């Protein structure tokens, strides 16, 4: 299982709108394309961290971004900064 950490710094005042898109669109679409959401956390009013996993991450990622419903939303409109990194499980 390949696990990716995704850390976002949101633009001022976008938390509620981002959270709505995340919960109503991003999470269901990730799950529909076979991803597991391992956790999602608010670190502060504007800092958000979540972990997503898949056995064939690259293929699933391509399917996710090509999905017609994903084409309708762009969560980057809420983001000031984005960091992604694959992580290795210790425990």
N, C-alpha and C. Protein backbone atom coordinates (compact mmCIF):
# COMPACT_ATOMS: atom_id res chain seq x y z
N UNK A 1 0.85 -1.18 0.00
CA UNK A 1 0.00 0.00 0.00
C UNK A 1 0.89 1.24 0.00
N UNK A 2 0.66 2.13 -0.91
CA UNK A 2 1.41 3.38 -1.00
C UNK A 2 0.58 4.48 -0.32
N UNK A 3 1.20 5.21 0.60
CA UNK A 3 0.51 6.24 1.37
C UNK A 3 1.11 7.61 1.04
N UNK A 4 0.23 8.55 0.78
CA UNK A 4 0.67 9.92 0.49
C UNK A 4 0.13 10.86 1.55
N UNK A 5 1.02 11.69 2.07
CA UNK A 5 0.64 12.77 2.97
C UNK A 5 0.38 13.99 2.10
N UNK A 6 -0.71 14.69 2.37
CA UNK A 6 -1.05 15.91 1.63
C UNK A 6 -1.28 17.01 2.66
N UNK A 7 -0.49 18.05 2.58
CA UNK A 7 -0.60 19.16 3.52
C UNK A 7 -0.94 20.42 2.75
N UNK A 8 -1.99 21.11 3.20
CA UNK A 8 -2.47 22.30 2.53
C UNK A 8 -2.41 23.49 3.48
N UNK A 9 -2.06 24.63 2.92
CA UNK A 9 -2.20 25.92 3.60
C UNK A 9 -3.29 26.65 2.85
N UNK A 10 -4.42 26.89 3.51
CA UNK A 10 -5.56 27.52 2.85
C UNK A 10 -5.45 29.04 2.83
N UNK A 11 -6.08 29.62 1.82
CA UNK A 11 -6.19 31.07 1.75
C UNK A 11 -7.08 31.53 2.90
N UNK A 12 -6.83 32.71 3.36
CA UNK A 12 -7.61 33.30 4.45
C UNK A 12 -9.10 33.26 4.12
N UNK A 13 -9.91 32.78 5.07
CA UNK A 13 -11.36 32.80 4.94
C UNK A 13 -11.97 31.72 4.07
N UNK A 14 -11.20 30.70 3.68
CA UNK A 14 -11.74 29.67 2.79
C UNK A 14 -12.02 28.33 3.47
N UNK A 15 -11.81 28.26 4.77
CA UNK A 15 -11.93 26.97 5.47
C UNK A 15 -13.28 26.29 5.25
N UNK A 16 -14.36 26.99 5.46
CA UNK A 16 -15.69 26.37 5.34
C UNK A 16 -15.97 25.90 3.92
N UNK A 17 -15.65 26.71 2.94
CA UNK A 17 -15.88 26.33 1.54
C UNK A 17 -15.00 25.14 1.16
N UNK A 18 -13.74 25.18 1.57
CA UNK A 18 -12.85 24.06 1.29
C UNK A 18 -13.36 22.78 1.94
N UNK A 19 -13.74 22.86 3.20
CA UNK A 19 -14.21 21.69 3.92
C UNK A 19 -15.42 21.07 3.25
N UNK A 20 -16.32 21.90 2.77
CA UNK A 20 -17.52 21.42 2.08
C UNK A 20 -17.12 20.64 0.81
N UNK A 21 -16.23 21.22 -0.01
CA UNK A 21 -15.78 20.54 -1.24
C UNK A 21 -15.03 19.26 -0.89
N UNK A 22 -14.21 19.31 0.13
CA UNK A 22 -13.44 18.13 0.53
C UNK A 22 -14.37 16.99 0.93
N UNK A 23 -15.34 17.27 1.80
CA UNK A 23 -16.23 16.22 2.32
C UNK A 23 -17.27 15.77 1.30
N UNK A 24 -17.77 16.67 0.48
CA UNK A 24 -18.85 16.34 -0.44
C UNK A 24 -18.38 15.84 -1.80
N UNK A 25 -17.16 16.19 -2.20
CA UNK A 25 -16.68 15.82 -3.53
C UNK A 25 -15.38 15.03 -3.50
N UNK A 26 -14.36 15.58 -2.86
CA UNK A 26 -13.03 14.97 -2.91
C UNK A 26 -13.03 13.59 -2.26
N UNK A 27 -13.52 13.48 -1.04
CA UNK A 27 -13.50 12.19 -0.33
C UNK A 27 -14.32 11.14 -1.09
N UNK A 28 -15.57 11.41 -1.47
CA UNK A 28 -16.32 10.38 -2.20
C UNK A 28 -15.66 9.96 -3.51
N UNK A 29 -15.07 10.90 -4.23
CA UNK A 29 -14.40 10.55 -5.49
C UNK A 29 -13.14 9.74 -5.26
N UNK A 30 -12.38 10.10 -4.25
CA UNK A 30 -11.19 9.29 -3.93
C UNK A 30 -11.62 7.87 -3.59
N UNK A 31 -12.65 7.74 -2.79
CA UNK A 31 -13.13 6.40 -2.41
C UNK A 31 -13.69 5.64 -3.61
N UNK A 32 -14.38 6.34 -4.50
CA UNK A 32 -14.94 5.70 -5.70
C UNK A 32 -13.84 5.18 -6.63
N UNK A 33 -12.67 5.79 -6.58
CA UNK A 33 -11.55 5.34 -7.41
C UNK A 33 -10.61 4.42 -6.63
N UNK A 34 -11.09 3.91 -5.49
CA UNK A 34 -10.37 2.87 -4.76
C UNK A 34 -9.40 3.33 -3.69
N UNK A 35 -9.33 4.62 -3.43
CA UNK A 35 -8.43 5.12 -2.40
C UNK A 35 -9.00 4.87 -1.01
N UNK A 36 -8.12 4.74 -0.05
CA UNK A 36 -8.49 4.74 1.36
C UNK A 36 -8.06 6.08 1.95
N UNK A 37 -8.96 6.72 2.67
CA UNK A 37 -8.62 7.94 3.38
C UNK A 37 -8.22 7.50 4.78
N UNK A 38 -6.96 7.69 5.13
CA UNK A 38 -6.45 7.20 6.41
C UNK A 38 -6.62 8.20 7.54
N UNK A 39 -6.92 9.44 7.21
CA UNK A 39 -7.16 10.45 8.22
C UNK A 39 -7.08 11.83 7.61
N UNK A 40 -7.79 12.77 8.22
CA UNK A 40 -7.78 14.17 7.80
C UNK A 40 -7.85 15.03 9.06
N UNK A 41 -6.99 16.04 9.13
CA UNK A 41 -6.81 16.79 10.38
C UNK A 41 -6.65 18.28 10.11
N UNK A 42 -7.31 19.07 10.93
CA UNK A 42 -7.05 20.51 10.95
C UNK A 42 -5.89 20.74 11.92
N UNK A 43 -4.84 21.37 11.45
CA UNK A 43 -3.70 21.71 12.30
C UNK A 43 -3.88 23.11 12.89
N UNK A 44 -4.59 23.94 12.15
CA UNK A 44 -4.91 25.30 12.58
C UNK A 44 -6.06 25.77 11.70
N UNK A 45 -6.43 27.00 11.82
CA UNK A 45 -7.54 27.55 11.02
C UNK A 45 -7.27 27.41 9.52
N UNK A 46 -6.02 27.47 9.12
CA UNK A 46 -5.69 27.44 7.69
C UNK A 46 -4.82 26.27 7.26
N UNK A 47 -4.39 25.45 8.19
CA UNK A 47 -3.50 24.33 7.85
C UNK A 47 -4.22 23.00 7.99
N UNK A 48 -4.19 22.24 6.91
CA UNK A 48 -4.94 20.99 6.80
C UNK A 48 -3.99 19.87 6.36
N UNK A 49 -4.13 18.70 6.96
CA UNK A 49 -3.27 17.56 6.66
C UNK A 49 -4.15 16.33 6.50
N UNK A 50 -3.87 15.56 5.44
CA UNK A 50 -4.59 14.30 5.29
C UNK A 50 -3.71 13.26 4.63
N UNK A 51 -4.12 11.99 4.80
CA UNK A 51 -3.37 10.86 4.29
C UNK A 51 -4.30 10.01 3.43
N UNK A 52 -3.82 9.66 2.25
CA UNK A 52 -4.59 8.87 1.30
C UNK A 52 -3.71 7.71 0.82
N UNK A 53 -4.33 6.54 0.60
CA UNK A 53 -3.54 5.36 0.24
C UNK A 53 -4.22 4.55 -0.86
N UNK A 54 -3.37 3.83 -1.61
CA UNK A 54 -3.86 2.94 -2.67
C UNK A 54 -2.76 1.96 -3.03
N UNK A 55 -3.14 0.76 -3.45
CA UNK A 55 -2.17 -0.25 -3.87
C UNK A 55 -1.45 0.17 -5.15
N UNK A 56 -2.19 0.71 -6.10
CA UNK A 56 -1.62 1.17 -7.37
C UNK A 56 -1.86 2.69 -7.48
N UNK A 57 -1.13 3.43 -6.70
CA UNK A 57 -1.39 4.85 -6.50
C UNK A 57 -1.41 5.64 -7.80
N UNK A 58 -0.42 5.46 -8.64
CA UNK A 58 -0.30 6.28 -9.85
C UNK A 58 -1.47 6.05 -10.81
N UNK A 59 -1.85 4.79 -11.01
CA UNK A 59 -2.97 4.49 -11.89
C UNK A 59 -4.28 5.05 -11.32
N UNK A 60 -4.49 4.86 -10.03
CA UNK A 60 -5.70 5.37 -9.39
C UNK A 60 -5.74 6.89 -9.39
N UNK A 61 -4.58 7.51 -9.21
CA UNK A 61 -4.50 8.97 -9.23
C UNK A 61 -4.92 9.51 -10.60
N UNK A 62 -4.46 8.86 -11.66
CA UNK A 62 -4.84 9.28 -13.01
C UNK A 62 -6.35 9.15 -13.20
N UNK A 63 -6.92 8.03 -12.77
CA UNK A 63 -8.37 7.83 -12.89
C UNK A 63 -9.14 8.87 -12.10
N UNK A 64 -8.65 9.20 -10.92
CA UNK A 64 -9.29 10.19 -10.07
C UNK A 64 -9.32 11.56 -10.76
N UNK A 65 -8.19 12.01 -11.27
CA UNK A 65 -8.13 13.34 -11.89
C UNK A 65 -8.88 13.40 -13.22
N UNK A 66 -9.08 12.26 -13.87
CA UNK A 66 -9.82 12.23 -15.14
C UNK A 66 -11.32 12.06 -14.94
N UNK A 67 -11.74 11.76 -13.72
CA UNK A 67 -13.15 11.53 -13.42
C UNK A 67 -13.95 12.80 -13.74
N UNK A 68 -15.09 12.67 -14.42
CA UNK A 68 -15.89 13.85 -14.80
C UNK A 68 -16.29 14.72 -13.61
N UNK A 69 -16.60 14.11 -12.47
CA UNK A 69 -16.99 14.91 -11.30
C UNK A 69 -15.81 15.71 -10.75
N UNK A 70 -14.61 15.15 -10.85
CA UNK A 70 -13.41 15.86 -10.38
C UNK A 70 -13.10 17.04 -11.29
N UNK A 71 -13.44 16.90 -12.56
CA UNK A 71 -13.22 17.98 -13.52
C UNK A 71 -14.06 19.22 -13.20
N UNK A 72 -15.15 19.02 -12.46
CA UNK A 72 -16.06 20.12 -12.13
C UNK A 72 -15.58 20.97 -10.96
N UNK A 73 -14.64 20.48 -10.16
CA UNK A 73 -14.17 21.23 -8.99
C UNK A 73 -12.65 21.39 -9.05
N UNK A 74 -12.19 22.48 -8.49
CA UNK A 74 -10.76 22.72 -8.39
C UNK A 74 -10.45 23.22 -6.99
N UNK A 75 -10.11 22.29 -6.07
CA UNK A 75 -9.84 22.71 -4.69
C UNK A 75 -8.62 23.62 -4.58
N UNK A 76 -7.81 23.70 -5.63
CA UNK A 76 -6.64 24.60 -5.58
C UNK A 76 -7.06 26.07 -5.45
N UNK A 77 -8.31 26.37 -5.79
CA UNK A 77 -8.79 27.75 -5.63
C UNK A 77 -8.76 28.18 -4.17
N UNK A 78 -8.75 27.22 -3.25
CA UNK A 78 -8.73 27.52 -1.82
C UNK A 78 -7.32 27.51 -1.24
N UNK A 79 -6.34 27.04 -2.02
CA UNK A 79 -5.02 26.77 -1.46
C UNK A 79 -4.01 27.86 -1.73
N UNK A 80 -3.28 28.17 -0.69
CA UNK A 80 -2.15 29.08 -0.77
C UNK A 80 -0.86 28.28 -1.02
N UNK A 81 -0.80 27.09 -0.43
CA UNK A 81 0.36 26.22 -0.60
C UNK A 81 -0.09 24.77 -0.50
N UNK A 82 0.64 23.90 -1.18
CA UNK A 82 0.34 22.48 -1.22
C UNK A 82 1.65 21.71 -1.16
N UNK A 83 1.68 20.71 -0.29
CA UNK A 83 2.84 19.83 -0.17
C UNK A 83 2.33 18.39 -0.19
N UNK A 84 2.93 17.57 -1.04
CA UNK A 84 2.61 16.14 -1.04
C UNK A 84 3.91 15.36 -0.91
N UNK A 85 3.78 14.23 -0.24
CA UNK A 85 4.96 13.39 -0.02
C UNK A 85 4.50 11.98 0.29
N UNK A 86 5.16 11.00 -0.30
CA UNK A 86 4.87 9.63 0.06
C UNK A 86 5.59 9.34 1.36
N UNK A 87 4.91 8.59 2.23
CA UNK A 87 5.47 8.29 3.54
C UNK A 87 5.58 6.78 3.72
N UNK A 88 6.46 6.38 4.59
CA UNK A 88 6.69 4.98 4.88
C UNK A 88 6.22 4.68 6.29
N UNK A 89 5.40 3.66 6.42
CA UNK A 89 4.83 3.30 7.72
C UNK A 89 5.88 2.66 8.62
N UNK A 90 5.93 3.08 9.85
CA UNK A 90 6.82 2.50 10.84
C UNK A 90 6.07 1.52 11.72
N UNK A 91 4.89 1.93 12.23
CA UNK A 91 4.07 1.07 13.11
C UNK A 91 2.76 0.74 12.43
